[in-house]
N, C-alpha and C. Protein backbone atom coordinates (compact mmCIF):
# COMPACT_ATOMS: atom_id res chain seq x y z
N MET A 1 101.50 119.18 100.81
CA MET A 1 100.95 117.88 100.42
C MET A 1 99.65 118.11 99.64
N ASP A 2 99.51 117.45 98.52
CA ASP A 2 98.30 117.56 97.72
C ASP A 2 97.14 116.83 98.38
N LYS A 3 95.96 117.39 98.18
CA LYS A 3 94.75 116.75 98.69
C LYS A 3 94.44 115.53 97.83
N LEU A 4 93.97 114.47 98.45
CA LEU A 4 93.58 113.27 97.73
C LEU A 4 92.09 113.31 97.45
N PRO A 5 91.69 113.00 96.22
CA PRO A 5 90.26 113.07 95.91
C PRO A 5 89.47 111.93 96.54
N ILE A 6 88.26 112.28 96.94
CA ILE A 6 87.33 111.28 97.46
C ILE A 6 85.93 111.74 97.05
N THR A 7 85.07 110.81 96.74
CA THR A 7 83.71 111.19 96.36
C THR A 7 82.95 111.64 97.61
N LYS A 8 81.88 112.38 97.38
CA LYS A 8 81.05 112.84 98.50
C LYS A 8 80.52 111.65 99.29
N ALA A 9 80.04 110.62 98.58
CA ALA A 9 79.53 109.42 99.25
C ALA A 9 80.63 108.73 100.04
N GLY A 10 81.84 108.69 99.49
CA GLY A 10 82.97 108.08 100.19
C GLY A 10 83.34 108.86 101.44
N GLY A 11 83.27 110.18 101.39
CA GLY A 11 83.54 111.01 102.55
C GLY A 11 82.54 110.77 103.66
N ILE A 12 81.28 110.65 103.28
CA ILE A 12 80.22 110.38 104.26
C ILE A 12 80.43 109.01 104.89
N LYS A 13 80.76 108.01 104.07
CA LYS A 13 80.97 106.66 104.57
C LYS A 13 82.15 106.62 105.55
N LEU A 14 83.25 107.32 105.21
CA LEU A 14 84.40 107.35 106.11
C LEU A 14 84.06 108.07 107.42
N SER A 15 83.31 109.16 107.33
CA SER A 15 82.91 109.89 108.54
C SER A 15 82.04 109.02 109.44
N GLU A 16 81.14 108.25 108.84
CA GLU A 16 80.29 107.35 109.62
C GLU A 16 81.11 106.25 110.28
N GLU A 17 82.09 105.71 109.55
CA GLU A 17 82.95 104.67 110.12
C GLU A 17 83.77 105.24 111.28
N LEU A 18 84.29 106.45 111.12
CA LEU A 18 85.05 107.10 112.19
C LEU A 18 84.18 107.30 113.42
N HIS A 19 82.97 107.75 113.23
CA HIS A 19 82.03 107.94 114.35
C HIS A 19 81.77 106.62 115.07
N ARG A 20 81.55 105.55 114.31
CA ARG A 20 81.29 104.24 114.91
C ARG A 20 82.50 103.75 115.70
N LEU A 21 83.69 103.91 115.12
CA LEU A 21 84.91 103.47 115.81
C LEU A 21 85.09 104.21 117.14
N LYS A 22 84.82 105.50 117.13
CA LYS A 22 85.02 106.31 118.34
C LYS A 22 83.93 106.11 119.38
N THR A 23 82.68 105.96 118.93
CA THR A 23 81.58 105.91 119.89
C THR A 23 81.12 104.52 120.27
N GLN A 24 81.43 103.51 119.48
CA GLN A 24 81.01 102.15 119.81
C GLN A 24 82.21 101.24 120.08
N ASP A 25 83.06 101.08 119.06
CA ASP A 25 84.16 100.12 119.17
C ASP A 25 85.11 100.46 120.32
N ARG A 26 85.46 101.72 120.45
CA ARG A 26 86.36 102.14 121.52
C ARG A 26 85.78 101.78 122.89
N ILE A 27 84.51 102.06 123.08
CA ILE A 27 83.85 101.79 124.37
C ILE A 27 83.78 100.29 124.64
N GLU A 28 83.42 99.51 123.61
CA GLU A 28 83.34 98.05 123.78
C GLU A 28 84.70 97.46 124.14
N ILE A 29 85.75 97.94 123.51
CA ILE A 29 87.10 97.42 123.77
C ILE A 29 87.56 97.83 125.17
N SER A 30 87.26 99.05 125.57
CA SER A 30 87.61 99.49 126.93
C SER A 30 86.94 98.61 127.97
N GLN A 31 85.69 98.27 127.71
CA GLN A 31 84.96 97.40 128.63
C GLN A 31 85.56 96.00 128.64
N ALA A 32 85.95 95.49 127.47
CA ALA A 32 86.57 94.16 127.39
C ALA A 32 87.90 94.13 128.14
N ILE A 33 88.67 95.22 128.06
CA ILE A 33 89.94 95.30 128.79
C ILE A 33 89.67 95.33 130.29
N ALA A 34 88.69 96.10 130.70
CA ALA A 34 88.35 96.17 132.13
C ALA A 34 87.88 94.80 132.65
N ASP A 35 87.06 94.11 131.86
CA ASP A 35 86.59 92.78 132.26
C ASP A 35 87.76 91.80 132.37
N ALA A 36 88.68 91.87 131.41
CA ALA A 36 89.83 90.96 131.43
C ALA A 36 90.74 91.25 132.61
N ARG A 37 90.91 92.52 132.96
CA ARG A 37 91.73 92.89 134.11
C ARG A 37 91.15 92.32 135.41
N ALA A 38 89.85 92.25 135.45
CA ALA A 38 89.17 91.76 136.65
C ALA A 38 89.45 90.28 136.89
N HIS A 39 89.90 89.58 135.86
CA HIS A 39 90.20 88.15 136.01
C HIS A 39 91.56 87.87 136.63
N GLY A 40 92.33 88.91 136.92
CA GLY A 40 93.58 88.69 137.64
C GLY A 40 94.82 88.82 136.79
N ASP A 41 95.76 87.87 136.95
CA ASP A 41 97.09 87.90 136.36
C ASP A 41 97.04 88.24 134.86
N LEU A 42 97.63 89.38 134.50
CA LEU A 42 97.59 89.84 133.12
C LEU A 42 98.61 89.15 132.22
N LYS A 43 99.65 88.57 132.80
CA LYS A 43 100.69 87.92 132.00
C LYS A 43 100.15 86.75 131.19
N GLU A 44 99.26 85.99 131.76
CA GLU A 44 98.73 84.81 131.09
C GLU A 44 97.25 84.95 130.76
N ASN A 45 96.80 86.19 130.59
CA ASN A 45 95.40 86.45 130.34
C ASN A 45 95.19 86.70 128.85
N ALA A 46 94.77 85.68 128.13
CA ALA A 46 94.60 85.77 126.67
C ALA A 46 93.53 86.79 126.29
N GLU A 47 92.47 86.89 127.08
CA GLU A 47 91.41 87.85 126.79
C GLU A 47 91.94 89.28 126.85
N TYR A 48 92.79 89.55 127.85
CA TYR A 48 93.37 90.87 128.00
C TYR A 48 94.25 91.21 126.80
N HIS A 49 95.12 90.29 126.42
CA HIS A 49 96.04 90.53 125.31
C HIS A 49 95.29 90.69 123.98
N ALA A 50 94.23 89.91 123.79
CA ALA A 50 93.42 90.03 122.58
C ALA A 50 92.72 91.39 122.54
N ALA A 51 92.20 91.82 123.68
CA ALA A 51 91.51 93.11 123.73
C ALA A 51 92.49 94.26 123.50
N LYS A 52 93.69 94.18 124.05
CA LYS A 52 94.70 95.21 123.84
C LYS A 52 95.12 95.26 122.37
N GLU A 53 95.24 94.10 121.75
CA GLU A 53 95.59 94.05 120.33
C GLU A 53 94.48 94.69 119.49
N GLN A 54 93.24 94.38 119.82
CA GLN A 54 92.09 94.97 119.12
C GLN A 54 92.06 96.48 119.34
N GLN A 55 92.40 96.93 120.55
CA GLN A 55 92.44 98.35 120.84
C GLN A 55 93.48 99.05 119.95
N GLY A 56 94.62 98.45 119.79
CA GLY A 56 95.65 99.01 118.92
C GLY A 56 95.18 99.11 117.47
N PHE A 57 94.49 98.09 117.01
CA PHE A 57 93.96 98.08 115.65
C PHE A 57 92.95 99.21 115.46
N VAL A 58 92.03 99.36 116.41
CA VAL A 58 90.99 100.39 116.30
C VAL A 58 91.61 101.78 116.34
N GLU A 59 92.55 102.00 117.26
CA GLU A 59 93.19 103.32 117.36
C GLU A 59 93.96 103.65 116.08
N SER A 60 94.60 102.65 115.50
CA SER A 60 95.31 102.85 114.24
C SER A 60 94.34 103.20 113.11
N LYS A 61 93.21 102.53 113.07
CA LYS A 61 92.19 102.79 112.05
C LYS A 61 91.61 104.20 112.22
N ILE A 62 91.39 104.62 113.46
CA ILE A 62 90.89 105.97 113.74
C ILE A 62 91.88 107.00 113.20
N GLN A 63 93.15 106.82 113.50
CA GLN A 63 94.18 107.76 113.02
C GLN A 63 94.24 107.78 111.50
N GLU A 64 94.14 106.62 110.88
CA GLU A 64 94.19 106.53 109.42
C GLU A 64 93.02 107.31 108.78
N ILE A 65 91.82 107.12 109.32
CA ILE A 65 90.64 107.80 108.76
C ILE A 65 90.71 109.29 109.03
N GLU A 66 91.12 109.70 110.24
CA GLU A 66 91.24 111.13 110.53
C GLU A 66 92.24 111.80 109.60
N HIS A 67 93.36 111.14 109.36
CA HIS A 67 94.37 111.67 108.45
C HIS A 67 93.82 111.76 107.03
N ALA A 68 93.13 110.72 106.60
CA ALA A 68 92.57 110.70 105.24
C ALA A 68 91.55 111.82 105.05
N LEU A 69 90.67 112.00 106.03
CA LEU A 69 89.66 113.06 105.91
C LEU A 69 90.28 114.45 105.96
N ALA A 70 91.33 114.61 106.77
CA ALA A 70 92.01 115.91 106.86
C ALA A 70 92.71 116.26 105.55
N ASN A 71 93.12 115.26 104.81
CA ASN A 71 93.85 115.47 103.56
C ASN A 71 93.02 115.15 102.32
N ALA A 72 91.71 115.15 102.48
CA ALA A 72 90.83 114.79 101.37
C ALA A 72 90.25 116.01 100.69
N GLN A 73 90.09 115.88 99.39
CA GLN A 73 89.33 116.86 98.61
C GLN A 73 88.05 116.15 98.21
N ILE A 74 86.96 116.53 98.84
CA ILE A 74 85.69 115.86 98.56
C ILE A 74 85.09 116.44 97.29
N ILE A 75 84.80 115.55 96.35
CA ILE A 75 84.28 115.95 95.05
C ILE A 75 82.90 115.32 94.87
N ASP A 76 81.93 116.17 94.57
CA ASP A 76 80.58 115.70 94.26
C ASP A 76 80.45 115.72 92.75
N VAL A 77 80.48 114.53 92.15
CA VAL A 77 80.47 114.42 90.69
C VAL A 77 79.18 115.01 90.10
N LYS A 78 78.14 115.10 90.90
CA LYS A 78 76.88 115.67 90.41
C LYS A 78 77.01 117.16 90.11
N ASP A 79 78.03 117.81 90.69
CA ASP A 79 78.28 119.22 90.44
C ASP A 79 79.05 119.46 89.14
N ILE A 80 79.55 118.40 88.53
CA ILE A 80 80.32 118.51 87.29
C ILE A 80 79.38 118.27 86.12
N PRO A 81 79.35 119.20 85.14
CA PRO A 81 78.46 119.01 83.99
C PRO A 81 78.78 117.72 83.24
N GLU A 82 77.73 117.00 82.83
CA GLU A 82 77.92 115.77 82.07
C GLU A 82 78.19 116.12 80.61
N THR A 83 79.37 115.71 80.16
CA THR A 83 79.77 115.98 78.77
C THR A 83 80.07 114.70 78.01
N GLY A 84 79.93 113.55 78.69
CA GLY A 84 80.30 112.29 78.08
C GLY A 84 81.77 111.97 78.26
N ARG A 85 82.46 112.82 79.00
CA ARG A 85 83.90 112.65 79.26
C ARG A 85 84.08 111.96 80.60
N VAL A 86 85.03 111.04 80.69
CA VAL A 86 85.31 110.32 81.93
C VAL A 86 86.13 111.21 82.85
N VAL A 87 85.60 111.45 84.06
CA VAL A 87 86.29 112.24 85.07
C VAL A 87 86.22 111.49 86.40
N PHE A 88 86.94 112.00 87.40
CA PHE A 88 86.88 111.40 88.73
C PHE A 88 85.44 111.38 89.19
N GLY A 89 85.00 110.25 89.70
CA GLY A 89 83.64 110.09 90.21
C GLY A 89 82.66 109.57 89.19
N SER A 90 83.06 109.52 87.92
CA SER A 90 82.16 109.03 86.87
C SER A 90 81.87 107.55 87.05
N THR A 91 80.66 107.17 86.66
CA THR A 91 80.31 105.76 86.53
C THR A 91 80.34 105.48 85.03
N VAL A 92 81.15 104.49 84.64
CA VAL A 92 81.40 104.25 83.23
C VAL A 92 80.94 102.85 82.84
N ASP A 93 80.02 102.81 81.87
CA ASP A 93 79.60 101.54 81.29
C ASP A 93 80.54 101.23 80.14
N LEU A 94 81.14 100.05 80.19
CA LEU A 94 82.14 99.65 79.21
C LEU A 94 81.78 98.34 78.55
N TYR A 95 82.33 98.15 77.36
CA TYR A 95 82.24 96.85 76.71
C TYR A 95 83.65 96.33 76.59
N ASP A 96 83.91 95.20 77.23
CA ASP A 96 85.22 94.55 77.19
C ASP A 96 85.31 93.78 75.88
N VAL A 97 86.07 94.33 74.94
CA VAL A 97 86.19 93.74 73.61
C VAL A 97 86.84 92.36 73.68
N ASN A 98 87.82 92.19 74.55
CA ASN A 98 88.54 90.92 74.67
C ASN A 98 87.63 89.78 75.13
N ASN A 99 86.83 90.06 76.17
CA ASN A 99 85.98 89.02 76.77
C ASN A 99 84.53 89.09 76.31
N LYS A 100 84.23 90.06 75.45
CA LYS A 100 82.88 90.22 74.89
C LYS A 100 81.81 90.27 75.99
N LYS A 101 82.01 91.20 76.95
CA LYS A 101 81.03 91.37 78.01
C LYS A 101 81.00 92.83 78.45
N SER A 102 79.86 93.22 79.02
CA SER A 102 79.70 94.58 79.53
C SER A 102 80.10 94.63 81.00
N ILE A 103 80.75 95.72 81.38
CA ILE A 103 81.16 95.94 82.77
C ILE A 103 80.91 97.41 83.12
N THR A 104 80.76 97.68 84.40
CA THR A 104 80.56 99.04 84.87
C THR A 104 81.54 99.32 86.01
N TYR A 105 82.22 100.46 85.91
CA TYR A 105 83.14 100.89 86.96
C TYR A 105 82.79 102.31 87.38
N LYS A 106 82.99 102.58 88.67
CA LYS A 106 82.93 103.94 89.19
C LYS A 106 84.35 104.29 89.61
N ILE A 107 84.85 105.43 89.14
CA ILE A 107 86.22 105.84 89.45
C ILE A 107 86.20 106.65 90.74
N VAL A 108 86.88 106.13 91.76
CA VAL A 108 86.84 106.70 93.11
C VAL A 108 88.25 106.88 93.67
N GLY A 109 88.33 107.41 94.89
CA GLY A 109 89.60 107.56 95.58
C GLY A 109 90.10 106.23 96.13
N ASN A 110 91.34 106.20 96.54
CA ASN A 110 91.97 104.97 97.02
C ASN A 110 91.24 104.33 98.19
N LEU A 111 90.78 105.13 99.14
CA LEU A 111 90.13 104.57 100.32
C LEU A 111 88.76 104.00 100.03
N GLU A 112 88.17 104.36 98.90
CA GLU A 112 86.84 103.88 98.54
C GLU A 112 86.90 102.66 97.62
N SER A 113 88.06 102.37 97.13
CA SER A 113 88.22 101.32 96.12
C SER A 113 87.70 99.97 96.60
N ASP A 114 86.89 99.35 95.77
CA ASP A 114 86.37 98.01 96.03
C ASP A 114 86.07 97.39 94.66
N PRO A 115 87.09 96.83 94.01
CA PRO A 115 86.92 96.32 92.65
C PRO A 115 85.81 95.29 92.51
N ASP A 116 85.58 94.48 93.54
CA ASP A 116 84.52 93.48 93.47
C ASP A 116 83.13 94.12 93.35
N GLN A 117 83.01 95.36 93.84
CA GLN A 117 81.74 96.08 93.77
C GLN A 117 81.72 97.08 92.60
N GLY A 118 82.80 97.10 91.81
CA GLY A 118 82.86 97.99 90.65
C GLY A 118 83.42 99.36 90.96
N PHE A 119 84.00 99.56 92.14
CA PHE A 119 84.62 100.83 92.51
C PHE A 119 86.13 100.70 92.32
N ILE A 120 86.68 101.40 91.31
CA ILE A 120 88.11 101.29 91.06
C ILE A 120 88.82 102.59 91.41
N SER A 121 90.00 102.46 91.97
CA SER A 121 90.81 103.60 92.38
C SER A 121 91.25 104.40 91.16
N ILE A 122 91.31 105.70 91.35
CA ILE A 122 91.76 106.61 90.30
C ILE A 122 93.20 106.30 89.89
N GLN A 123 93.94 105.57 90.72
CA GLN A 123 95.33 105.27 90.43
C GLN A 123 95.54 103.92 89.73
N THR A 124 94.46 103.20 89.43
CA THR A 124 94.61 101.92 88.73
C THR A 124 94.87 102.16 87.26
N PRO A 125 95.52 101.22 86.58
CA PRO A 125 95.77 101.38 85.15
C PRO A 125 94.48 101.60 84.33
N ILE A 126 93.40 100.91 84.71
CA ILE A 126 92.15 101.06 83.96
C ILE A 126 91.61 102.48 84.11
N ALA A 127 91.56 103.00 85.33
CA ALA A 127 91.06 104.35 85.55
C ALA A 127 91.94 105.39 84.84
N ILE A 128 93.24 105.22 84.95
CA ILE A 128 94.15 106.14 84.29
C ILE A 128 93.92 106.12 82.78
N GLY A 129 93.71 104.94 82.22
CA GLY A 129 93.46 104.81 80.79
C GLY A 129 92.14 105.39 80.34
N LEU A 130 91.15 105.44 81.24
CA LEU A 130 89.82 105.94 80.90
C LEU A 130 89.68 107.45 81.08
N LEU A 131 90.39 108.03 82.05
CA LEU A 131 90.23 109.45 82.36
C LEU A 131 90.49 110.32 81.13
N GLY A 132 89.56 111.24 80.90
CA GLY A 132 89.69 112.16 79.78
C GLY A 132 89.12 111.65 78.47
N LYS A 133 88.76 110.38 78.42
CA LYS A 133 88.18 109.81 77.20
C LYS A 133 86.68 110.08 77.17
N TYR A 134 86.06 109.86 76.01
CA TYR A 134 84.65 110.17 75.81
C TYR A 134 83.84 108.93 75.45
N GLU A 135 82.52 109.05 75.60
CA GLU A 135 81.62 108.00 75.15
C GLU A 135 81.91 107.70 73.69
N GLY A 136 81.95 106.42 73.36
CA GLY A 136 82.22 106.00 71.99
C GLY A 136 83.68 105.72 71.72
N ASP A 137 84.58 106.21 72.58
CA ASP A 137 86.01 105.95 72.40
C ASP A 137 86.31 104.49 72.72
N GLU A 138 87.30 103.96 72.03
CA GLU A 138 87.82 102.63 72.36
C GLU A 138 89.24 102.83 72.85
N VAL A 139 89.54 102.26 74.01
CA VAL A 139 90.87 102.43 74.60
C VAL A 139 91.52 101.07 74.80
N THR A 140 92.83 101.06 74.63
CA THR A 140 93.62 99.86 74.89
C THR A 140 94.50 100.18 76.09
N ILE A 141 94.41 99.34 77.12
CA ILE A 141 95.09 99.61 78.39
C ILE A 141 95.95 98.41 78.79
N ALA A 142 97.20 98.70 79.15
CA ALA A 142 98.09 97.66 79.66
C ALA A 142 97.83 97.52 81.16
N THR A 143 97.42 96.33 81.59
CA THR A 143 97.18 96.04 83.00
C THR A 143 98.14 94.95 83.43
N PRO A 144 98.28 94.73 84.73
CA PRO A 144 99.16 93.65 85.19
C PRO A 144 98.77 92.27 84.64
N SER A 145 97.48 92.09 84.31
CA SER A 145 97.06 90.78 83.79
C SER A 145 97.03 90.74 82.26
N GLY A 146 97.51 91.80 81.63
CA GLY A 146 97.59 91.81 80.17
C GLY A 146 96.91 93.03 79.58
N VAL A 147 96.99 93.14 78.26
CA VAL A 147 96.41 94.28 77.56
C VAL A 147 94.92 94.03 77.34
N ILE A 148 94.10 95.05 77.63
CA ILE A 148 92.67 94.92 77.42
C ILE A 148 92.18 96.06 76.52
N SER A 149 91.14 95.78 75.78
CA SER A 149 90.50 96.79 74.94
C SER A 149 89.09 97.02 75.46
N LEU A 150 88.78 98.29 75.72
CA LEU A 150 87.47 98.65 76.27
C LEU A 150 86.83 99.72 75.39
N GLU A 151 85.53 99.56 75.16
CA GLU A 151 84.77 100.59 74.46
C GLU A 151 83.90 101.29 75.50
N ILE A 152 83.97 102.63 75.53
CA ILE A 152 83.19 103.40 76.49
C ILE A 152 81.80 103.58 75.92
N GLU A 153 80.81 102.95 76.56
CA GLU A 153 79.43 103.00 76.08
C GLU A 153 78.67 104.18 76.67
N LYS A 154 78.84 104.44 77.98
CA LYS A 154 78.09 105.50 78.64
C LYS A 154 78.88 106.01 79.83
N VAL A 155 78.85 107.33 80.01
CA VAL A 155 79.48 107.99 81.15
C VAL A 155 78.38 108.70 81.92
N LYS A 156 78.25 108.34 83.22
CA LYS A 156 77.20 108.92 84.05
C LYS A 156 77.79 109.57 85.29
N HIS A 157 77.12 110.60 85.78
CA HIS A 157 77.51 111.25 87.03
C HIS A 157 76.43 110.94 88.06
N LEU A 158 76.63 109.84 88.77
CA LEU A 158 75.64 109.39 89.76
C LEU A 158 76.08 109.74 91.17
């Protein structure tokens, strides 16, 4: 199985979330289950069932993060020489020719993706269209919402 790329910051964030889930959330849920058990009949105990459901969610999230970290290739974009070329981890200042506005995206791994915050997955059409291009290039990319034209203004390794 190939390693999935993740930025150094994304790896740290996932490790912190895993630590919180194991050391805080797990303990709080165990206590909630114990408290609910103390109330008696478990068949009609909504607090117990809610806590058990939450426990399942947390354990699933723990497994997901552990698997992701075990199969991750952590890349520190600061270690890659800046050449003006778009690579994984780059922060790219773009000019959207269609909408006549500037936008900034950071190309990250799937688990770090947050388009509302400007973090786009390396597997999105926009990231795929930008990878390997240089500052000053204009690219036309087919996206699910239509064809867009972007001019690459600046490529940074932050």
